[in-house]
Amino acid sequence: QVQLAESGGGLVQAGGSLRLSCAASGSIFSINVRGWYRQAPGKQRELVAVFTSGGTNYADSVRGRFTISRDNAKNTVYLQLNSLIPEDTAVYYCNARTLVGGAFEDYWGQGTQVTVSS
C-alpha cells in the first residue's frame, strides 16, 4: 500500500504560479512511476506530467509552462505551475504506480483544487 498526501493548490490570477507537492509513504520501494493528473469539470482525468524509467513526459498543453521534479530523500514529487491560464483550472491528482509480482496498481492522492481567474 502507498499513501499520497498532496498540498499546494489554490486560487491564482492568470499569469501566476503555484507549486504542488505530493509526499509518498508506505511501500514506496514498489513505486515504478510517479506523476500528476488533472480533471476539469465535465472532463476526463488527463495526464499532466510524469516521471518514467525513460525520463519525463508532459501533456502538450502544459509543456514549457509546468515542471515536474522530485526529492527522493523526502519521497516527494513537485509540480511547478507557471504562466497559468484559466484552462488550467482543475483538480490536480498525484499518482503513484507500483509494480509488484508483475502487476501494476495505481494509487491516487486526495486531489488539490487549482483555480485560475482571468
Protein backbone atom coordinates (compact mmCIF):
# COMPACT_ATOMS: atom_id res chain seq x y z
CA GLN A 1 0.00 0.00 0.00
CA VAL A 2 1.09 3.52 -0.83
CA GLN A 3 -0.30 6.70 0.69
CA LEU A 4 -0.05 10.04 -1.11
CA ALA A 5 -0.53 13.42 0.55
CA GLU A 6 -0.90 16.48 -1.66
CA SER A 7 -0.65 20.16 -0.91
CA GLY A 8 -0.24 23.49 -2.64
CA GLY A 9 -3.39 24.20 -4.64
CA GLY A 10 -5.28 27.47 -4.51
CA LEU A 11 -6.70 30.45 -6.37
CA VAL A 12 -4.39 32.44 -8.61
CA GLN A 13 -4.75 35.04 -11.33
CA ALA A 14 -3.87 34.26 -14.94
CA GLY A 15 -0.14 34.50 -15.44
CA GLY A 16 0.57 33.48 -11.87
CA SER A 17 2.34 30.44 -10.42
CA LEU A 18 1.69 27.66 -7.96
CA ARG A 19 3.71 24.74 -6.65
CA LEU A 20 2.09 21.44 -5.82
CA SER A 21 3.68 18.81 -3.58
CA CYS A 22 2.98 15.11 -3.18
CA ALA A 23 4.60 13.12 -0.38
CA ALA A 24 4.54 9.32 -0.56
CA SER A 25 4.61 6.90 2.34
CA GLY A 26 4.11 3.17 2.83
CA SER A 27 5.51 0.69 0.30
CA ILE A 28 7.47 3.31 -1.62
CA PHE A 29 10.03 0.75 -2.75
CA SER A 30 7.39 -0.71 -5.06
CA ILE A 31 6.70 2.59 -6.87
CA ASN A 32 7.56 2.38 -10.54
CA VAL A 33 6.09 5.62 -11.93
CA ARG A 34 5.07 8.91 -10.32
CA GLY A 35 3.21 11.78 -11.85
CA TRP A 36 0.41 14.31 -11.87
CA TYR A 37 -3.02 14.22 -13.50
CA ARG A 38 -5.86 16.72 -13.54
CA GLN A 39 -9.60 16.66 -14.01
CA ALA A 40 -11.63 19.68 -15.02
CA PRO A 41 -15.42 19.82 -14.51
CA GLY A 42 -17.20 17.68 -17.06
CA LYS A 43 -13.96 16.28 -18.48
CA GLN A 44 -11.99 13.09 -18.10
CA ARG A 45 -8.89 12.88 -15.95
CA GLU A 46 -5.82 13.61 -18.06
CA LEU A 47 -2.09 13.22 -17.70
CA VAL A 48 -0.20 16.42 -16.89
CA ALA A 49 3.37 15.27 -16.22
CA VAL A 50 5.04 12.03 -15.25
CA PHE A 51 8.39 10.51 -14.33
CA THR A 52 9.06 7.19 -16.01
CA SER A 53 12.12 4.99 -16.33
CA GLY A 54 12.82 6.80 -19.58
CA GLY A 55 12.62 10.31 -18.20
CA THR A 56 9.78 12.84 -18.04
CA ASN A 57 6.68 13.31 -20.18
CA TYR A 58 4.37 16.31 -20.33
CA ALA A 59 0.99 16.97 -21.86
CA ASP A 60 1.31 19.23 -24.90
CA SER A 61 -0.94 21.80 -23.23
CA VAL A 62 1.48 22.33 -20.32
CA ARG A 63 4.90 21.72 -21.88
CA GLY A 64 7.13 24.73 -21.30
CA ARG A 65 4.93 26.08 -18.50
CA PHE A 66 4.86 23.25 -15.95
CA THR A 67 7.84 21.41 -14.48
CA ILE A 68 7.81 18.12 -12.58
CA SER A 69 10.61 17.48 -10.11
CA ARG A 70 11.33 15.23 -7.14
CA ASP A 71 13.23 14.96 -3.90
CA ASN A 72 14.00 11.28 -3.39
CA ALA A 73 15.20 11.84 0.17
CA LYS A 74 11.74 13.15 1.05
CA ASN A 75 9.82 10.74 -1.23
CA THR A 76 8.17 13.85 -2.64
CA VAL A 77 7.26 14.88 -6.16
CA TYR A 78 6.55 18.50 -7.07
CA LEU A 79 4.72 20.21 -9.90
CA GLN A 80 5.66 23.82 -10.60
CA LEU A 81 2.88 25.57 -12.50
CA ASN A 82 3.91 28.80 -14.25
CA SER A 83 2.14 31.11 -16.69
CA LEU A 84 -1.19 29.74 -15.57
CA ILE A 85 -4.25 30.21 -17.76
CA PRO A 86 -7.95 29.72 -16.91
CA GLU A 87 -7.94 26.45 -18.86
CA ASP A 88 -5.59 25.03 -16.22
CA THR A 89 -8.40 25.17 -13.67
CA ALA A 90 -8.95 21.62 -12.40
CA VAL A 91 -8.49 19.25 -9.50
CA TYR A 92 -4.92 18.02 -9.64
CA TYR A 93 -4.19 14.46 -8.52
CA CYS A 94 -0.88 12.94 -7.59
CA ASN A 95 -0.36 9.40 -8.90
CA ALA A 96 1.97 6.56 -8.00
CA ARG A 97 2.04 3.32 -9.95
CA THR A 98 3.51 0.26 -8.30
CA LEU A 99 4.78 -2.90 -9.89
CA VAL A 100 4.56 -5.95 -7.66
CA GLY A 101 4.67 -9.53 -8.89
CA GLY A 102 4.25 -8.38 -12.47
CA ALA A 103 1.03 -6.47 -11.74
CA PHE A 104 0.59 -2.70 -11.87
CA GLU A 105 -1.57 -0.83 -9.37
CA ASP A 106 -2.38 2.88 -9.29
CA TYR A 107 -2.61 4.97 -6.13
CA TRP A 108 -4.06 8.47 -6.01
CA GLY A 109 -3.84 11.47 -3.74
CA GLN A 110 -6.96 13.17 -2.45
CA GLY A 111 -6.72 15.90 -5.08
CA THR A 112 -6.00 19.59 -4.75
CA GLN A 113 -8.03 22.33 -6.43
CA VAL A 114 -6.28 24.80 -8.72
CA THR A 115 -8.41 27.72 -9.86
CA VAL A 116 -7.08 30.31 -12.32
CA SER A 117 -9.06 33.51 -12.68
CA SER A 118 -8.95 35.64 -15.83
